[in-house]
């Protein structure tokens, strides 16, 4: 089962760890211009604060991911959501 984790429920250190792990994954694309890790972390944190991204914990796999909210605009809490990768949103933000 996948459950949404409110970013504010995490300690600052845990939140940074989740974000840092996400932005340093192999294959994560940030668009035409490569960004430094601190800029990537700040971008993702802003996405979480605005609700443009959510943290999802997969209880079966014991993994955490950062994804876009489901298409219907509601969070993923308590159900298996349909999420796209946050990569596409981050890439679009680098072009503006």
PDB file of N, CA and C in Angstrom:
ATOM      1  N   UNK A   1       0.847  -1.174   0.000  1.00  0.00           N
ATOM      2  CA  UNK A   1       0.000   0.000   0.000  1.00  0.00           C
ATOM      3  C   UNK A   1       0.893   1.238   0.000  1.00  0.00           C
ATOM      4  N   UNK A   2       0.459   2.259  -0.676  1.00  0.00           N
ATOM      5  CA  UNK A   2       1.175   3.536  -0.707  1.00  0.00           C
ATOM      6  C   UNK A   2       0.438   4.537   0.164  1.00  0.00           C
ATOM      7  N   UNK A   3       1.187   5.262   0.970  1.00  0.00           N
ATOM      8  CA  UNK A   3       0.589   6.298   1.807  1.00  0.00           C
ATOM      9  C   UNK A   3       1.360   7.597   1.627  1.00  0.00           C
ATOM     10  N   UNK A   4       0.622   8.674   1.607  1.00  0.00           N
ATOM     11  CA  UNK A   4       1.232   9.984   1.497  1.00  0.00           C
ATOM     12  C   UNK A   4       1.763  10.400   2.857  1.00  0.00           C
ATOM     13  N   UNK A   5       2.957  10.969   2.870  1.00  0.00           N
ATOM     14  CA  UNK A   5       3.584  11.447   4.096  1.00  0.00           C
ATOM     15  C   UNK A   5       3.655  12.969   4.005  1.00  0.00           C
ATOM     16  N   UNK A   6       3.030  13.659   4.932  1.00  0.00           N
ATOM     17  CA  UNK A   6       3.080  15.120   4.940  1.00  0.00           C
ATOM     18  C   UNK A   6       4.518  15.562   5.171  1.00  0.00           C
ATOM     19  N   UNK A   7       5.034  16.426   4.290  1.00  0.00           N
ATOM     20  CA  UNK A   7       6.429  16.841   4.430  1.00  0.00           C
ATOM     21  C   UNK A   7       6.673  17.499   5.778  1.00  0.00           C
ATOM     22  N   UNK A   8       5.674  18.178   6.341  1.00  0.00           N
ATOM     23  CA  UNK A   8       5.815  18.844   7.627  1.00  0.00           C
ATOM     24  C   UNK A   8       5.885  17.890   8.808  1.00  0.00           C
ATOM     25  N   UNK A   9       5.513  16.620   8.570  1.00  0.00           N
ATOM     26  CA  UNK A   9       5.569  15.624   9.631  1.00  0.00           C
ATOM     27  C   UNK A   9       6.985  15.091   9.837  1.00  0.00           C
ATOM     28  N   UNK A  10       7.856  15.366   8.889  1.00  0.00           N
ATOM     29  CA  UNK A  10       9.238  14.909   8.982  1.00  0.00           C
ATOM     30  C   UNK A  10      10.110  15.967   9.646  1.00  0.00           C
ATOM     31  N   UNK A  11      11.114  15.526  10.358  1.00  0.00           N
ATOM     32  CA  UNK A  11      12.086  16.480  10.907  1.00  0.00           C
ATOM     33  C   UNK A  11      12.825  17.121   9.732  1.00  0.00           C
ATOM     34  N   UNK A  12      13.393  18.305   9.931  1.00  0.00           N
ATOM     35  CA  UNK A  12      14.158  18.928   8.840  1.00  0.00           C
ATOM     36  C   UNK A  12      15.252  18.013   8.288  1.00  0.00           C
ATOM     37  N   UNK A  13      15.897  17.262   9.161  1.00  0.00           N
ATOM     38  CA  UNK A  13      16.967  16.367   8.726  1.00  0.00           C
ATOM     39  C   UNK A  13      16.413  15.213   7.885  1.00  0.00           C
ATOM     40  N   UNK A  14      15.295  14.634   8.331  1.00  0.00           N
ATOM     41  CA  UNK A  14      14.688  13.533   7.585  1.00  0.00           C
ATOM     42  C   UNK A  14      14.172  14.019   6.230  1.00  0.00           C
ATOM     43  N   UNK A  15      13.539  15.195   6.209  1.00  0.00           N
ATOM     44  CA  UNK A  15      13.034  15.747   4.957  1.00  0.00           C
ATOM     45  C   UNK A  15      14.173  15.970   3.979  1.00  0.00           C
ATOM     46  N   UNK A  16      15.248  16.565   4.450  1.00  0.00           N
ATOM     47  CA  UNK A  16      16.395  16.789   3.571  1.00  0.00           C
ATOM     48  C   UNK A  16      16.938  15.458   3.047  1.00  0.00           C
ATOM     49  N   UNK A  17      16.988  14.449   3.920  1.00  0.00           N
ATOM     50  CA  UNK A  17      17.477  13.143   3.490  1.00  0.00           C
ATOM     51  C   UNK A  17      16.620  12.535   2.402  1.00  0.00           C
ATOM     52  N   UNK A  18      15.299  12.630   2.540  1.00  0.00           N
ATOM     53  CA  UNK A  18      14.382  12.107   1.519  1.00  0.00           C
ATOM     54  C   UNK A  18      14.577  12.862   0.209  1.00  0.00           C
ATOM     55  N   UNK A  19      14.642  14.182   0.296  1.00  0.00           N
ATOM     56  CA  UNK A  19      14.812  14.993  -0.921  1.00  0.00           C
ATOM     57  C   UNK A  19      16.172  14.730  -1.553  1.00  0.00           C
ATOM     58  N   UNK A  20      17.220  14.696  -0.750  1.00  0.00           N
ATOM     59  CA  UNK A  20      18.565  14.473  -1.281  1.00  0.00           C
ATOM     60  C   UNK A  20      18.666  13.113  -1.965  1.00  0.00           C
ATOM     61  N   UNK A  21      18.086  12.095  -1.354  1.00  0.00           N
ATOM     62  CA  UNK A  21      18.104  10.772  -1.980  1.00  0.00           C
ATOM     63  C   UNK A  21      17.387  10.811  -3.322  1.00  0.00           C
ATOM     64  N   UNK A  22      16.277  11.539  -3.397  1.00  0.00           N
ATOM     65  CA  UNK A  22      15.519  11.633  -4.638  1.00  0.00           C
ATOM     66  C   UNK A  22      16.327  12.346  -5.730  1.00  0.00           C
ATOM     67  N   UNK A  23      16.903  13.494  -5.405  1.00  0.00           N
ATOM     68  CA  UNK A  23      17.575  14.281  -6.451  1.00  0.00           C
ATOM     69  C   UNK A  23      18.906  13.690  -6.896  1.00  0.00           C
ATOM     70  N   UNK A  24      19.441  12.762  -6.124  1.00  0.00           N
ATOM     71  CA  UNK A  24      20.718  12.156  -6.519  1.00  0.00           C
ATOM     72  C   UNK A  24      20.541  10.785  -7.173  1.00  0.00           C
ATOM     73  N   UNK A  25      19.324  10.367  -7.408  1.00  0.00           N
ATOM     74  CA  UNK A  25      19.089   9.087  -8.079  1.00  0.00           C
ATOM     75  C   UNK A  25      19.627   9.126  -9.502  1.00  0.00           C
ATOM     76  N   UNK A  26      20.153   8.009  -9.928  1.00  0.00           N
ATOM     77  CA  UNK A  26      20.611   7.884 -11.315  1.00  0.00           C
ATOM     78  C   UNK A  26      19.414   8.013 -12.241  1.00  0.00           C
ATOM     79  N   UNK A  27      19.595   8.763 -13.320  1.00  0.00           N
ATOM     80  CA  UNK A  27      18.529   8.907 -14.298  1.00  0.00           C
ATOM     81  C   UNK A  27      17.576  10.052 -14.034  1.00  0.00           C
ATOM     82  N   UNK A  28      17.763  10.787 -12.943  1.00  0.00           N
ATOM     83  CA  UNK A  28      16.895  11.925 -12.673  1.00  0.00           C
ATOM     84  C   UNK A  28      17.323  13.068 -13.585  1.00  0.00           C
ATOM     85  N   UNK A  29      16.367  13.603 -14.343  1.00  0.00           N
ATOM     86  CA  UNK A  29      16.656  14.625 -15.352  1.00  0.00           C
ATOM     87  C   UNK A  29      16.054  15.956 -14.926  1.00  0.00           C
ATOM     88  N   UNK A  30      16.839  17.003 -15.017  1.00  0.00           N
ATOM     89  CA  UNK A  30      16.375  18.326 -14.614  1.00  0.00           C
ATOM     90  C   UNK A  30      16.352  19.323 -15.759  1.00  0.00           C
ATOM     91  N   UNK A  31      16.292  18.843 -16.978  1.00  0.00           N
ATOM     92  CA  UNK A  31      16.128  19.736 -18.106  1.00  0.00           C
ATOM     93  C   UNK A  31      17.429  20.069 -18.809  1.00  0.00           C
ATOM     94  N   UNK A  32      17.378  21.168 -19.560  1.00  0.00           N
ATOM     95  CA  UNK A  32      18.490  21.544 -20.424  1.00  0.00           C
ATOM     96  C   UNK A  32      19.722  22.011 -19.649  1.00  0.00           C
ATOM     97  N   UNK A  33      19.531  22.529 -18.458  1.00  0.00           N
ATOM     98  CA  UNK A  33      20.645  23.058 -17.673  1.00  0.00           C
ATOM     99  C   UNK A  33      20.814  22.220 -16.416  1.00  0.00           C
ATOM    100  N   UNK A  34      22.027  21.739 -16.199  1.00  0.00           N
ATOM    101  CA  UNK A  34      22.306  20.951 -15.000  1.00  0.00           C
ATOM    102  C   UNK A  34      22.356  21.888 -13.797  1.00  0.00           C
ATOM    103  N   UNK A  35      21.757  21.452 -12.701  1.00  0.00           N
ATOM    104  CA  UNK A  35      21.725  22.248 -11.470  1.00  0.00           C
ATOM    105  C   UNK A  35      22.587  21.578 -10.418  1.00  0.00           C
ATOM    106  N   UNK A  36      23.075  22.379  -9.485  1.00  0.00           N
ATOM    107  CA  UNK A  36      23.801  21.839  -8.349  1.00  0.00           C
ATOM    108  C   UNK A  36      22.835  21.178  -7.381  1.00  0.00           C
ATOM    109  N   UNK A  37      23.359  20.333  -6.507  1.00  0.00           N
ATOM    110  CA  UNK A  37      22.508  19.580  -5.591  1.00  0.00           C
ATOM    111  C   UNK A  37      21.704  20.488  -4.669  1.00  0.00           C
ATOM    112  N   UNK A  38      22.292  21.572  -4.186  1.00  0.00           N
ATOM    113  CA  UNK A  38      21.555  22.474  -3.295  1.00  0.00           C
ATOM    114  C   UNK A  38      20.383  23.123  -4.005  1.00  0.00           C
ATOM    115  N   UNK A  39      20.566  23.496  -5.262  1.00  0.00           N
ATOM    116  CA  UNK A  39      19.477  24.095  -6.040  1.00  0.00           C
ATOM    117  C   UNK A  39      18.372  23.069  -6.298  1.00  0.00           C
ATOM    118  N   UNK A  40      18.777  21.819  -6.573  1.00  0.00           N
ATOM    119  CA  UNK A  40      17.795  20.757  -6.782  1.00  0.00           C
ATOM    120  C   UNK A  40      16.984  20.512  -5.507  1.00  0.00           C
ATOM    121  N   UNK A  41      17.671  20.455  -4.373  1.00  0.00           N
ATOM    122  CA  UNK A  41      16.988  20.239  -3.100  1.00  0.00           C
ATOM    123  C   UNK A  41      16.015  21.372  -2.820  1.00  0.00           C
ATOM    124  N   UNK A  42      16.444  22.612  -3.036  1.00  0.00           N
ATOM    125  CA  UNK A  42      15.565  23.772  -2.813  1.00  0.00           C
ATOM    126  C   UNK A  42      14.350  23.714  -3.730  1.00  0.00           C
ATOM    127  N   UNK A  43      14.543  23.342  -4.987  1.00  0.00           N
ATOM    128  CA  UNK A  43      13.428  23.244  -5.934  1.00  0.00           C
ATOM    129  C   UNK A  43      12.389  22.225  -5.469  1.00  0.00           C
ATOM    130  N   UNK A  44      12.864  21.050  -5.048  1.00  0.00           N
ATOM    131  CA  UNK A  44      11.941  20.001  -4.617  1.00  0.00           C
ATOM    132  C   UNK A  44      11.227  20.422  -3.338  1.00  0.00           C
ATOM    133  N   UNK A  45      11.952  21.038  -2.412  1.00  0.00           N
ATOM    134  CA  UNK A  45      11.308  21.478  -1.175  1.00  0.00           C
ATOM    135  C   UNK A  45      10.212  22.502  -1.464  1.00  0.00           C
ATOM    136  N   UNK A  46      10.457  23.410  -2.388  1.00  0.00           N
ATOM    137  CA  UNK A  46       9.428  24.386  -2.768  1.00  0.00           C
ATOM    138  C   UNK A  46       8.227  23.681  -3.389  1.00  0.00           C
ATOM    139  N   UNK A  47       8.476  22.657  -4.202  1.00  0.00           N
ATOM    140  CA  UNK A  47       7.377  21.891  -4.812  1.00  0.00           C
ATOM    141  C   UNK A  47       6.521  21.249  -3.718  1.00  0.00           C
ATOM    142  N   UNK A  48       7.171  20.693  -2.709  1.00  0.00           N
ATOM    143  CA  UNK A  48       6.442  20.073  -1.599  1.00  0.00           C
ATOM    144  C   UNK A  48       5.638  21.102  -0.825  1.00  0.00           C
ATOM    145  N   UNK A  49       6.239  22.248  -0.550  1.00  0.00           N
ATOM    146  CA  UNK A  49       5.560  23.302   0.213  1.00  0.00           C
ATOM    147  C   UNK A  49       4.337  23.826  -0.524  1.00  0.00           C
ATOM    148  N   UNK A  50       4.405  23.918  -1.843  1.00  0.00           N
ATOM    149  CA  UNK A  50       3.277  24.411  -2.645  1.00  0.00           C
ATOM    150  C   UNK A  50       2.227  23.345  -2.896  1.00  0.00           C
ATOM    151  N   UNK A  51       2.541  22.099  -2.603  1.00  0.00           N
ATOM    152  CA  UNK A  51       1.613  21.009  -2.908  1.00  0.00           C
ATOM    153  C   UNK A  51       1.720  20.519  -4.328  1.00  0.00           C
ATOM    154  N   UNK A  52       2.769  20.941  -5.051  1.00  0.00           N
ATOM    155  CA  UNK A  52       2.993  20.483  -6.420  1.00  0.00           C
ATOM    156  C   UNK A  52       3.637  19.106  -6.447  1.00  0.00           C
ATOM    157  N   UNK A  53       4.069  18.619  -5.299  1.00  0.00           N
ATOM    158  CA  UNK A  53       4.677  17.299  -5.171  1.00  0.00           C
ATOM    159  C   UNK A  53       4.311  16.746  -3.802  1.00  0.00           C
ATOM    160  N   UNK A  54       4.323  15.434  -3.688  1.00  0.00           N
ATOM    161  CA  UNK A  54       4.031  14.788  -2.408  1.00  0.00           C
ATOM    162  C   UNK A  54       5.047  13.676  -2.170  1.00  0.00           C
ATOM    163  N   UNK A  55       5.254  13.369  -0.905  1.00  0.00           N
ATOM    164  CA  UNK A  55       6.108  12.253  -0.516  1.00  0.00           C
ATOM    165  C   UNK A  55       5.196  11.049  -0.328  1.00  0.00           C
ATOM    166  N   UNK A  56       5.556   9.939  -0.943  1.00  0.00           N
ATOM    167  CA  UNK A  56       4.764   8.719  -0.856  1.00  0.00           C
ATOM    168  C   UNK A  56       5.666   7.602  -0.328  1.00  0.00           C
ATOM    169  N   UNK A  57       5.172   6.896   0.688  1.00  0.00           N
ATOM    170  CA  UNK A  57       5.874   5.741   1.233  1.00  0.00           C
ATOM    171  C   UNK A  57       5.157   4.482   0.801  1.00  0.00           C
ATOM    172  N   UNK A  58       5.881   3.574   0.183  1.00  0.00           N
ATOM    173  CA  UNK A  58       5.332   2.287  -0.242  1.00  0.00           C
ATOM    174  C   UNK A  58       5.627   1.288   0.874  1.00  0.00           C
ATOM    175  N   UNK A  59       4.583   0.869   1.580  1.00  0.00           N
ATOM    176  CA  UNK A  59       4.763   0.004   2.734  1.00  0.00           C
ATOM    177  C   UNK A  59       5.257  -1.387   2.347  1.00  0.00           C
ATOM    178  N   UNK A  60       4.864  -1.877   1.176  1.00  0.00           N
ATOM    179  CA  UNK A  60       5.280  -3.210   0.743  1.00  0.00           C
ATOM    180  C   UNK A  60       6.768  -3.249   0.402  1.00  0.00           C
ATOM    181  N   UNK A  61       7.228  -2.216  -0.281  1.00  0.00           N
ATOM    182  CA  UNK A  61       8.629  -2.167  -0.702  1.00  0.00           C
ATOM    183  C   UNK A  61       9.512  -1.440   0.308  1.00  0.00           C
ATOM    184  N   UNK A  62       8.891  -0.770   1.287  1.00  0.00           N
ATOM    185  CA  UNK A  62       9.617   0.046   2.272  1.00  0.00           C
ATOM    186  C   UNK A  62      10.493   1.078   1.580  1.00  0.00           C
ATOM    187  N   UNK A  63       9.903   1.760   0.571  1.00  0.00           N
ATOM    188  CA  UNK A  63      10.618   2.795  -0.166  1.00  0.00           C
ATOM    189  C   UNK A  63       9.832   4.099  -0.128  1.00  0.00           C
ATOM    190  N   UNK A  64      10.545   5.170  -0.331  1.00  0.00           N
ATOM    191  CA  UNK A  64       9.954   6.504  -0.358  1.00  0.00           C
ATOM    192  C   UNK A  64      10.197   7.105  -1.731  1.00  0.00           C
ATOM    193  N   UNK A  65       9.210   7.844  -2.227  1.00  0.00           N
ATOM    194  CA  UNK A  65       9.344   8.514  -3.504  1.00  0.00           C
ATOM    195  C   UNK A  65       8.697   9.883  -3.404  1.00  0.00           C
ATOM    196  N   UNK A  66       9.091  10.771  -4.289  1.00  0.00           N
ATOM    197  CA  UNK A  66       8.474  12.092  -4.405  1.00  0.00           C
ATOM    198  C   UNK A  66       7.839  12.138  -5.775  1.00  0.00           C
ATOM    199  N   UNK A  67       6.538  12.425  -5.800  1.00  0.00           N
ATOM    200  CA  UNK A  67       5.772  12.349  -7.038  1.00  0.00           C
ATOM    201  C   UNK A  67       4.824  13.545  -7.132  1.00  0.00           C
ATOM    202  N   UNK A  68       4.256  13.709  -8.311  1.00  0.00           N
ATOM    203  CA  UNK A  68       3.215  14.709  -8.491  1.00  0.00           C
ATOM    204  C   UNK A  68       1.923  14.186  -7.875  1.00  0.00           C
ATOM    205  N   UNK A  69       1.083  15.076  -7.335  1.00  0.00           N
ATOM    206  CA  UNK A  69      -0.215  14.625  -6.813  1.00  0.00           C
ATOM    207  C   UNK A  69      -1.036  13.992  -7.930  1.00  0.00           C
ATOM    208  N   UNK A  70      -2.005  13.169  -7.553  1.00  0.00           N
ATOM    209  CA  UNK A  70      -2.849  12.526  -8.560  1.00  0.00           C
ATOM    210  C   UNK A  70      -3.584  13.574  -9.387  1.00  0.00           C
ATOM    211  N   UNK A  71      -3.999  13.173 -10.560  1.00  0.00           N
ATOM    212  CA  UNK A  71      -4.600  14.097 -11.522  1.00  0.00           C
ATOM    213  C   UNK A  71      -5.860  14.775 -11.014  1.00  0.00           C
ATOM    214  N   UNK A  72      -6.569  14.164 -10.074  1.00  0.00           N
ATOM    215  CA  UNK A  72      -7.811  14.759  -9.604  1.00  0.00           C
ATOM    216  C   UNK A  72      -7.577  15.869  -8.580  1.00  0.00           C
ATOM    217  N   UNK A  73      -6.295  16.179  -8.293  1.00  0.00           N
ATOM    218  CA  UNK A  73      -6.000  17.298  -7.410  1.00  0.00           C
ATOM    219  C   UNK A  73      -5.989  16.958  -5.937  1.00  0.00           C
ATOM    220  N   UNK A  74      -6.427  15.747  -5.572  1.00  0.00           N
ATOM    221  CA  UNK A  74      -6.403  15.346  -4.172  1.00  0.00           C
ATOM    222  C   UNK A  74      -5.141  14.566  -3.908  1.00  0.00           C
ATOM    223  N   UNK A  75      -4.736  14.521  -2.667  1.00  0.00           N
ATOM    224  CA  UNK A  75      -3.547  13.777  -2.292  1.00  0.00           C
ATOM    225  C   UNK A  75      -3.746  12.286  -2.454  1.00  0.00           C
ATOM    226  N   UNK A  76      -2.692  11.550  -2.223  1.00  0.00           N
ATOM    227  CA  UNK A  76      -2.707  10.107  -2.423  1.00  0.00           C
ATOM    228  C   UNK A  76      -2.971   9.354  -1.130  1.00  0.00           C
ATOM    229  N   UNK A  77      -3.195  10.054  -0.046  1.00  0.00           N
ATOM    230  CA  UNK A  77      -3.265   9.415   1.268  1.00  0.00           C
ATOM    231  C   UNK A  77      -4.334   8.330   1.309  1.00  0.00           C
ATOM    232  N   UNK A  78      -3.922   7.126   1.751  1.00  0.00           N
ATOM    233  CA  UNK A  78      -4.870   6.052   1.980  1.00  0.00           C
ATOM    234  C   UNK A  78      -5.301   5.261   0.763  1.00  0.00           C
ATOM    235  N   UNK A  79      -4.771   5.532  -0.395  1.00  0.00           N
ATOM    236  CA  UNK A  79      -5.143   4.750  -1.565  1.00  0.00           C
ATOM    237  C   UNK A  79      -3.939   4.655  -2.500  1.00  0.00           C
ATOM    238  N   UNK A  80      -3.999   3.740  -3.417  1.00  0.00           N
ATOM    239  CA  UNK A  80      -2.925   3.591  -4.404  1.00  0.00           C
ATOM    240  C   UNK A  80      -3.126   4.658  -5.477  1.00  0.00           C
ATOM    241  N   UNK A  81      -2.307   5.677  -5.499  1.00  0.00           N
ATOM    242  CA  UNK A  81      -2.510   6.782  -6.430  1.00  0.00           C
ATOM    243  C   UNK A  81      -1.934   6.499  -7.812  1.00  0.00           C
ATOM    244  N   UNK A  82      -2.373   7.285  -8.756  1.00  0.00           N
ATOM    245  CA  UNK A  82      -1.741   7.292 -10.063  1.00  0.00           C
ATOM    246  C   UNK A  82      -0.847   8.522 -10.087  1.00  0.00           C
ATOM    247  N   UNK A  83       0.455   8.295 -10.095  1.00  0.00           N
ATOM    248  CA  UNK A  83       1.415   9.399 -10.054  1.00  0.00           C
ATOM    249  C   UNK A  83       2.326   9.357 -11.264  1.00  0.00           C
ATOM    250  N   UNK A  84       2.702  10.515 -11.714  1.00  0.00           N
ATOM    251  CA  UNK A  84       3.777  10.633 -12.685  1.00  0.00           C
ATOM    252  C   UNK A  84       5.024  11.007 -11.900  1.00  0.00           C
ATOM    253  N   UNK A  85       6.142  10.895 -12.514  1.00  0.00           N
ATOM    254  CA  UNK A  85       7.390  11.264 -11.875  1.00  0.00           C
ATOM    255  C   UNK A  85       7.457  12.773 -11.725  1.00  0.00           C
ATOM    256  N   UNK A  86       8.113  13.207 -10.676  1.00  0.00           N
ATOM    257  CA  UNK A  86       8.346  14.631 -10.460  1.00  0.00           C
ATOM    258  C   UNK A  86       9.350  15.185 -11.459  1.00  0.00           C
ATOM    259  N   UNK A  87      10.124  14.319 -12.090  1.00  0.00           N
ATOM    260  CA  UNK A  87      11.159  14.764 -13.028  1.00  0.00           C
ATOM    261  C   UNK A  87      10.602  15.699 -14.102  1.00  0.00           C
ATOM    262  N   UNK A  88       9.436  15.368 -14.654  1.00  0.00           N
ATOM    263  CA  UNK A  88       8.873  16.191 -15.727  1.00  0.00           C
ATOM    264  C   UNK A  88       8.538  17.589 -15.232  1.00  0.00           C
ATOM    265  N   UNK A  89       8.045  17.698 -14.010  1.00  0.00           N
ATOM    266  CA  UNK A  89       7.731  19.004 -13.452  1.00  0.00           C
ATOM    267  C   UNK A  89       9.007  19.797 -13.196  1.00  0.00           C
ATOM    268  N   UNK A  90      10.020  19.166 -12.643  1.00  0.00           N
ATOM    269  CA  UNK A  90      11.281  19.855 -12.383  1.00  0.00           C
ATOM    270  C   UNK A  90      11.920  20.315 -13.679  1.00  0.00           C
ATOM    271  N   UNK A  91      11.884  19.483 -14.705  1.00  0.00           N
ATOM    272  CA  UNK A  91      12.471  19.851 -15.994  1.00  0.00           C
ATOM    273  C   UNK A  91      11.751  21.066 -16.569  1.00  0.00           C
ATOM    274  N   UNK A  92      10.445  21.136 -16.446  1.00  0.00           N
ATOM    275  CA  UNK A  92       9.706  22.271 -16.996  1.00  0.00           C
ATOM    276  C   UNK A  92      10.027  23.550 -16.230  1.00  0.00           C
ATOM    277  N   UNK A  93      10.336  23.462 -14.955  1.00  0.00           N
ATOM    278  CA  UNK A  93      10.666  24.633 -14.153  1.00  0.00           C
ATOM    279  C   UNK A  93      12.019  25.219 -14.527  1.00  0.00           C
ATOM    280  N   UNK A  94      12.931  24.412 -15.062  1.00  0.00           N
ATOM    281  CA  UNK A  94      14.272  24.905 -15.398  1.00  0.00           C
ATOM    282  C   UNK A  94      14.271  25.718 -16.682  1.00  0.00           C
ATOM    283  N   UNK A  95      13.229  25.588 -17.472  1.00  0.00           N
ATOM    284  CA  UNK A  95      13.200  26.271 -18.751  1.00  0.00           C
ATOM    285  C   UNK A  95      12.622  27.679 -18.658  1.00  0.00           C
ATOM    286  N   UNK A  96      12.064  28.036 -17.521  1.00  0.00           N
ATOM    287  CA  UNK A  96      11.459  29.359 -17.391  1.00  0.00           C
ATOM    288  C   UNK A  96      12.388  30.325 -16.711  1.00  0.00           C
TER     289      UNK A  96
END
